[in-house]
PDB file of all heavy atoms in Angstrom:
ATOM      1  N   PHE A   1     103.178 118.308  80.245  1.00  0.00           N
ATOM      2  CA  PHE A   1     102.420 119.376  79.611  1.00  0.00           C
ATOM      3  C   PHE A   1     103.010 119.666  78.240  1.00  0.00           C
ATOM      4  O   PHE A   1     104.230 119.753  78.091  1.00  0.00           O
ATOM      5  CB  PHE A   1     102.469 120.653  80.455  1.00  0.00           C
ATOM      6  CG  PHE A   1     101.630 120.583  81.695  1.00  0.00           C
ATOM      7  CD1 PHE A   1     102.118 120.006  82.848  1.00  0.00           C
ATOM      8  CD2 PHE A   1     100.347 121.098  81.702  1.00  0.00           C
ATOM      9  CE1 PHE A   1     101.344 119.940  83.990  1.00  0.00           C
ATOM     10  CE2 PHE A   1      99.553 121.035  82.841  1.00  0.00           C
ATOM     11  CZ  PHE A   1     100.060 120.454  83.989  1.00  0.00           C
ATOM     12  N   GLU A   2     102.150 119.808  77.245  1.00  0.00           N
ATOM     13  CA  GLU A   2     102.540 120.233  75.909  1.00  0.00           C
ATOM     14  C   GLU A   2     101.701 121.452  75.562  1.00  0.00           C
ATOM     15  O   GLU A   2     100.471 121.414  75.682  1.00  0.00           O
ATOM     16  CB  GLU A   2     102.314 119.117  74.886  1.00  0.00           C
ATOM     17  CG  GLU A   2     103.211 117.912  75.103  1.00  0.00           C
ATOM     18  CD  GLU A   2     102.931 116.773  74.142  1.00  0.00           C
ATOM     19  OE1 GLU A   2     101.983 116.865  73.328  1.00  0.00           O
ATOM     20  OE2 GLU A   2     103.659 115.758  74.218  1.00  0.00           O
ATOM     21  N   ASP A   3     102.353 122.513  75.157  1.00  0.00           N
ATOM     22  CA  ASP A   3     101.662 123.775  74.849  1.00  0.00           C
ATOM     23  C   ASP A   3     100.804 124.242  76.021  1.00  0.00           C
ATOM     24  O   ASP A   3      99.697 124.758  75.832  1.00  0.00           O
ATOM     25  CB  ASP A   3     100.816 123.648  73.578  1.00  0.00           C
ATOM     26  CG  ASP A   3     101.657 123.348  72.355  1.00  0.00           C
ATOM     27  OD1 ASP A   3     102.780 123.903  72.259  1.00  0.00           O
ATOM     28  OD2 ASP A   3     101.213 122.563  71.497  1.00  0.00           O
ATOM     29  N   GLY A   4     101.288 124.012  77.247  1.00  0.00           N
ATOM     30  CA  GLY A   4     100.590 124.476  78.441  1.00  0.00           C
ATOM     31  C   GLY A   4      99.400 123.637  78.864  1.00  0.00           C
ATOM     32  O   GLY A   4      98.709 123.975  79.815  1.00  0.00           O
ATOM     33  N   LYS A   5      99.144 122.531  78.170  1.00  0.00           N
ATOM     34  CA  LYS A   5      98.000 121.674  78.502  1.00  0.00           C
ATOM     35  C   LYS A   5      98.498 120.288  78.895  1.00  0.00           C
ATOM     36  O   LYS A   5      99.467 119.784  78.319  1.00  0.00           O
ATOM     37  CB  LYS A   5      97.072 121.546  77.295  1.00  0.00           C
ATOM     38  CG  LYS A   5      96.455 122.847  76.865  1.00  0.00           C
ATOM     39  CD  LYS A   5      95.602 122.659  75.623  1.00  0.00           C
ATOM     40  CE  LYS A   5      95.098 124.003  75.143  1.00  0.00           C
ATOM     41  NZ  LYS A   5      94.468 123.910  73.838  1.00  0.00           N
ATOM     42  N   PRO A   6      97.817 119.630  79.855  1.00  0.00           N
ATOM     43  CA  PRO A   6      98.220 118.273  80.216  1.00  0.00           C
ATOM     44  C   PRO A   6      98.110 117.345  79.006  1.00  0.00           C
ATOM     45  O   PRO A   6      97.073 117.310  78.337  1.00  0.00           O
ATOM     46  CB  PRO A   6      97.221 117.852  81.296  1.00  0.00           C
ATOM     47  CG  PRO A   6      96.587 119.111  81.771  1.00  0.00           C
ATOM     48  CD  PRO A   6      96.676 120.090  80.641  1.00  0.00           C
ATOM     49  N   ALA A   7      99.185 116.623  78.708  1.00  0.00           N
ATOM     50  CA  ALA A   7      99.191 115.713  77.565  1.00  0.00           C
ATOM     51  C   ALA A   7      99.244 114.257  78.003  1.00  0.00           C
ATOM     52  O   ALA A   7      98.642 113.397  77.375  1.00  0.00           O
ATOM     53  CB  ALA A   7     100.364 116.035  76.651  1.00  0.00           C
ATOM     54  N   TYR A   8      99.992 113.994  79.081  1.00  0.00           N
ATOM     55  CA  TYR A   8     100.136 112.630  79.591  1.00  0.00           C
ATOM     56  C   TYR A   8     100.181 112.661  81.108  1.00  0.00           C
ATOM     57  O   TYR A   8     100.695 113.600  81.700  1.00  0.00           O
ATOM     58  CB  TYR A   8     101.437 111.978  79.093  1.00  0.00           C
ATOM     59  CG  TYR A   8     101.507 111.815  77.601  1.00  0.00           C
ATOM     60  CD1 TYR A   8     102.124 112.784  76.824  1.00  0.00           C
ATOM     61  CD2 TYR A   8     100.961 110.704  76.972  1.00  0.00           C
ATOM     62  CE1 TYR A   8     102.187 112.656  75.445  1.00  0.00           C
ATOM     63  CE2 TYR A   8     101.022 110.568  75.596  1.00  0.00           C
ATOM     64  CZ  TYR A   8     101.636 111.543  74.839  1.00  0.00           C
ATOM     65  OH  TYR A   8     101.692 111.409  73.474  1.00  0.00           O
ATOM     66  N   VAL A   9      99.652 111.605  81.711  1.00  0.00           N
ATOM     67  CA  VAL A   9      99.746 111.399  83.154  1.00  0.00           C
ATOM     68  C   VAL A   9     100.394 110.040  83.350  1.00  0.00           C
ATOM     69  O   VAL A   9     100.011 109.062  82.715  1.00  0.00           O
ATOM     70  CB  VAL A   9      98.350 111.432  83.818  1.00  0.00           C
ATOM     71  CG1 VAL A   9      98.412 110.955  85.244  1.00  0.00           C
ATOM     72  CG2 VAL A   9      97.758 112.818  83.746  1.00  0.00           C
ATOM     73  N   CYS A  10     101.395 109.997  84.230  1.00  0.00           N
ATOM     74  CA  CYS A  10     102.091 108.737  84.478  1.00  0.00           C
ATOM     75  C   CYS A  10     102.091 108.439  85.970  1.00  0.00           C
ATOM     76  O   CYS A  10     102.635 109.192  86.769  1.00  0.00           O
ATOM     77  CB  CYS A  10     103.516 108.812  83.943  1.00  0.00           C
ATOM     78  SG  CYS A  10     104.375 107.231  84.078  1.00  0.00           S
ATOM     79  N   GLU A  11     101.463 107.347  86.309  1.00  0.00           N
ATOM     80  CA  GLU A  11     101.459 106.847  87.685  1.00  0.00           C
ATOM     81  C   GLU A  11     102.632 105.875  87.823  1.00  0.00           C
ATOM     82  O   GLU A  11     102.924 105.125  86.888  1.00  0.00           O
ATOM     83  CB  GLU A  11     100.137 106.120  87.939  1.00  0.00           C
ATOM     84  CG  GLU A  11      99.964 105.587  89.321  1.00  0.00           C
ATOM     85  CD  GLU A  11      98.625 104.866  89.486  1.00  0.00           C
ATOM     86  OE1 GLU A  11      98.022 104.439  88.491  1.00  0.00           O
ATOM     87  OE2 GLU A  11      98.214 104.742  90.631  1.00  0.00           O
ATOM     88  N   ALA A  12     103.321 105.896  88.950  1.00  0.00           N
ATOM     89  CA  ALA A  12     104.481 105.025  89.146  1.00  0.00           C
ATOM     90  C   ALA A  12     104.126 103.570  88.838  1.00  0.00           C
ATOM     91  O   ALA A  12     103.133 103.050  89.332  1.00  0.00           O
ATOM     92  CB  ALA A  12     105.000 105.150  90.572  1.00  0.00           C
ATOM     93  N   GLY A  13     104.933 102.946  87.997  1.00  0.00           N
ATOM     94  CA  GLY A  13     104.752 101.536  87.677  1.00  0.00           C
ATOM     95  C   GLY A  13     103.632 101.229  86.704  1.00  0.00           C
ATOM     96  O   GLY A  13     103.285 100.069  86.509  1.00  0.00           O
ATOM     97  N   ALA A  14     103.051 102.243  86.105  1.00  0.00           N
ATOM     98  CA  ALA A  14     101.944 102.025  85.159  1.00  0.00           C
ATOM     99  C   ALA A  14     102.242 102.756  83.858  1.00  0.00           C
ATOM    100  O   ALA A  14     103.012 103.713  83.837  1.00  0.00           O
ATOM    101  CB  ALA A  14     100.633 102.534  85.760  1.00  0.00           C
ATOM    102  N   PRO A  15     101.627 102.317  82.760  1.00  0.00           N
ATOM    103  CA  PRO A  15     101.833 103.028  81.501  1.00  0.00           C
ATOM    104  C   PRO A  15     101.214 104.426  81.544  1.00  0.00           C
ATOM    105  O   PRO A  15     100.278 104.679  82.305  1.00  0.00           O
ATOM    106  CB  PRO A  15     101.123 102.165  80.458  1.00  0.00           C
ATOM    107  CG  PRO A  15     100.427 101.080  81.192  1.00  0.00           C
ATOM    108  CD  PRO A  15     100.797 101.146  82.632  1.00  0.00           C
ATOM    109  N   SER A  16     101.758 105.323  80.745  1.00  0.00           N
ATOM    110  CA  SER A  16     101.220 106.686  80.679  1.00  0.00           C
ATOM    111  C   SER A  16      99.799 106.687  80.134  1.00  0.00           C
ATOM    112  O   SER A  16      99.429 105.845  79.320  1.00  0.00           O
ATOM    113  CB  SER A  16     102.090 107.554  79.766  1.00  0.00           C
ATOM    114  OG  SER A  16     103.362 107.725  80.323  1.00  0.00           O
ATOM    115  N   ILE A  17      99.025 107.655  80.594  1.00  0.00           N
ATOM    116  CA  ILE A  17      97.658 107.856  80.096  1.00  0.00           C
ATOM    117  C   ILE A  17      97.673 109.133  79.263  1.00  0.00           C
ATOM    118  O   ILE A  17      98.043 110.195  79.753  1.00  0.00           O
ATOM    119  CB  ILE A  17      96.653 108.000  81.255  1.00  0.00           C
ATOM    120  CG1 ILE A  17      96.677 106.757  82.152  1.00  0.00           C
ATOM    121  CG2 ILE A  17      95.247 108.259  80.716  1.00  0.00           C
ATOM    122  CD1 ILE A  17      95.895 106.924  83.449  1.00  0.00           C
ATOM    123  N   ALA A  18      97.290 109.026  78.004  1.00  0.00           N
ATOM    124  CA  ALA A  18      97.261 110.186  77.113  1.00  0.00           C
ATOM    125  C   ALA A  18      96.014 111.021  77.378  1.00  0.00           C
ATOM    126  O   ALA A  18      94.997 110.518  77.865  1.00  0.00           O
ATOM    127  CB  ALA A  18      97.276 109.731  75.657  1.00  0.00           C
ATOM    128  N   ALA A  19      96.102 112.309  77.045  1.00  0.00           N
ATOM    129  CA  ALA A  19      94.991 113.242  77.283  1.00  0.00           C
ATOM    130  C   ALA A  19      93.687 112.737  76.664  1.00  0.00           C
ATOM    131  O   ALA A  19      92.613 112.930  77.229  1.00  0.00           O
ATOM    132  CB  ALA A  19      95.340 114.620  76.751  1.00  0.00           C
ATOM    133  N   ASP A  20      93.769 112.073  75.514  1.00  0.00           N
ATOM    134  CA  ASP A  20      92.565 111.550  74.858  1.00  0.00           C
ATOM    135  C   ASP A  20      91.848 110.509  75.710  1.00  0.00           C
ATOM    136  O   ASP A  20      90.657 110.263  75.524  1.00  0.00           O
ATOM    137  CB  ASP A  20      92.915 110.920  73.501  1.00  0.00           C
ATOM    138  CG  ASP A  20      93.411 111.934  72.494  1.00  0.00           C
ATOM    139  OD1 ASP A  20      93.175 113.153  72.693  1.00  0.00           O
ATOM    140  OD2 ASP A  20      94.041 111.522  71.499  1.00  0.00           O
ATOM    141  N   ASP A  21      92.574 109.882  76.638  1.00  0.00           N
ATOM    142  CA  ASP A  21      91.987 108.834  77.484  1.00  0.00           C
ATOM    143  C   ASP A  21      91.661 109.309  78.896  1.00  0.00           C
ATOM    144  O   ASP A  21      91.276 108.512  79.746  1.00  0.00           O
ATOM    145  CB  ASP A  21      92.952 107.640  77.577  1.00  0.00           C
ATOM    146  CG  ASP A  21      93.088 106.914  76.255  1.00  0.00           C
ATOM    147  OD1 ASP A  21      92.084 106.830  75.517  1.00  0.00           O
ATOM    148  OD2 ASP A  21      94.202 106.436  75.963  1.00  0.00           O
ATOM    149  N   PHE A  22      91.814 110.608  79.176  1.00  0.00           N
ATOM    150  CA  PHE A  22      91.561 111.110  80.525  1.00  0.00           C
ATOM    151  C   PHE A  22      90.137 110.804  80.987  1.00  0.00           C
ATOM    152  O   PHE A  22      89.934 110.390  82.120  1.00  0.00           O
ATOM    153  CB  PHE A  22      91.822 112.613  80.624  1.00  0.00           C
ATOM    154  CG  PHE A  22      93.284 113.004  80.706  1.00  0.00           C
ATOM    155  CD1 PHE A  22      94.299 112.065  80.593  1.00  0.00           C
ATOM    156  CD2 PHE A  22      93.635 114.313  80.895  1.00  0.00           C
ATOM    157  CE1 PHE A  22      95.636 112.424  80.661  1.00  0.00           C
ATOM    158  CE2 PHE A  22      94.970 114.698  80.972  1.00  0.00           C
ATOM    159  CZ  PHE A  22      95.973 113.748  80.860  1.00  0.00           C
ATOM    160  N   ASP A  23      89.153 111.006  80.134  1.00  0.00           N
ATOM    161  CA  ASP A  23      87.765 110.728  80.534  1.00  0.00           C
ATOM    162  C   ASP A  23      87.558 109.237  80.791  1.00  0.00           C
ATOM    163  O   ASP A  23      86.992 108.850  81.817  1.00  0.00           O
ATOM    164  CB  ASP A  23      86.778 111.212  79.477  1.00  0.00           C
ATOM    165  CG  ASP A  23      86.611 112.717  79.468  1.00  0.00           C
ATOM    166  OD1 ASP A  23      86.952 113.366  80.489  1.00  0.00           O
ATOM    167  OD2 ASP A  23      86.158 113.250  78.447  1.00  0.00           O
ATOM    168  N   ARG A  24      88.008 108.399  79.882  1.00  0.00           N
ATOM    169  CA  ARG A  24      87.821 106.954  80.007  1.00  0.00           C
ATOM    170  C   ARG A  24      88.518 106.415  81.256  1.00  0.00           C
ATOM    171  O   ARG A  24      87.990 105.541  81.950  1.00  0.00           O
ATOM    172  CB  ARG A  24      88.355 106.237  78.763  1.00  0.00           C
ATOM    173  CG  ARG A  24      88.122 104.740  78.753  1.00  0.00           C
ATOM    174  CD  ARG A  24      88.658 104.074  77.492  1.00  0.00           C
ATOM    175  NE  ARG A  24      90.091 104.239  77.304  1.00  0.00           N
ATOM    176  CZ  ARG A  24      91.034 103.553  77.965  1.00  0.00           C
ATOM    177  NH1 ARG A  24      90.686 102.670  78.880  1.00  0.00           N
ATOM    178  NH2 ARG A  24      92.312 103.752  77.731  1.00  0.00           N
ATOM    179  N   CYS A  25      89.687 106.949  81.579  1.00  0.00           N
ATOM    180  CA  CYS A  25      90.459 106.484  82.739  1.00  0.00           C
ATOM    181  C   CYS A  25      90.149 107.282  84.005  1.00  0.00           C
ATOM    182  O   CYS A  25      90.785 107.076  85.042  1.00  0.00           O
ATOM    183  CB  CYS A  25      91.953 106.559  82.439  1.00  0.00           C
ATOM    184  SG  CYS A  25      92.459 105.420  81.139  1.00  0.00           S
ATOM    185  N   GLN A  26      89.181 108.159  83.916  1.00  0.00           N
ATOM    186  CA  GLN A  26      88.725 108.966  85.049  1.00  0.00           C
ATOM    187  C   GLN A  26      89.901 109.702  85.713  1.00  0.00           C
ATOM    188  O   GLN A  26      90.107 109.604  86.924  1.00  0.00           O
ATOM    189  CB  GLN A  26      87.979 108.114  86.062  1.00  0.00           C
ATOM    190  CG  GLN A  26      86.718 107.486  85.511  1.00  0.00           C
ATOM    191  CD  GLN A  26      86.061 106.548  86.492  1.00  0.00           C
ATOM    192  OE1 GLN A  26      86.721 105.823  87.218  1.00  0.00           O
ATOM    193  NE2 GLN A  26      84.734 106.563  86.508  1.00  0.00           N
ATOM    194  N   VAL A  27      90.665 110.444  84.895  1.00  0.00           N
ATOM    195  CA  VAL A  27      91.787 111.235  85.398  1.00  0.00           C
ATOM    196  C   VAL A  27      91.269 112.589  85.843  1.00  0.00           C
ATOM    197  O   VAL A  27      90.605 113.291  85.085  1.00  0.00           O
ATOM    198  CB  VAL A  27      92.870 111.419  84.308  1.00  0.00           C
ATOM    199  CG1 VAL A  27      93.955 112.380  84.787  1.00  0.00           C
ATOM    200  CG2 VAL A  27      93.454 110.075  83.909  1.00  0.00           C
ATOM    201  N   ARG A  28      91.562 112.930  87.104  1.00  0.00           N
ATOM    202  CA  ARG A  28      91.189 114.246  87.630  1.00  0.00           C
ATOM    203  C   ARG A  28      92.393 114.811  88.356  1.00  0.00           C
ATOM    204  O   ARG A  28      92.815 114.292  89.392  1.00  0.00           O
ATOM    205  CB  ARG A  28      90.000 114.132  88.579  1.00  0.00           C
ATOM    206  CG  ARG A  28      89.500 115.481  89.099  1.00  0.00           C
ATOM    207  CD  ARG A  28      88.245 115.335  89.938  1.00  0.00           C
ATOM    208  NE  ARG A  28      88.415 114.502  91.111  1.00  0.00           N
ATOM    209  CZ  ARG A  28      88.782 114.955  92.310  1.00  0.00           C
ATOM    210  NH1 ARG A  28      89.003 116.234  92.506  1.00  0.00           N
ATOM    211  NH2 ARG A  28      88.906 114.120  93.332  1.00  0.00           N
ATOM    212  N   LEU A  29      92.984 115.871  87.774  1.00  0.00           N
ATOM    213  CA  LEU A  29      94.107 116.529  88.428  1.00  0.00           C
ATOM    214  C   LEU A  29      93.557 117.386  89.561  1.00  0.00           C
ATOM    215  O   LEU A  29      92.630 118.160  89.362  1.00  0.00           O
ATOM    216  CB  LEU A  29      94.877 117.392  87.434  1.00  0.00           C
ATOM    217  CG  LEU A  29      95.512 116.638  86.266  1.00  0.00           C
ATOM    218  CD1 LEU A  29      96.221 117.609  85.337  1.00  0.00           C
ATOM    219  CD2 LEU A  29      96.462 115.568  86.755  1.00  0.00           C
TER     220      LEU A  29
END
């Protein structure tokens, strides 16, 4: 989290997903 907002998501063994790519990578917390 940066400034209280999700900035990156990291799944074990995979590269981090930046907030800009959440829609494209179908990230749903």
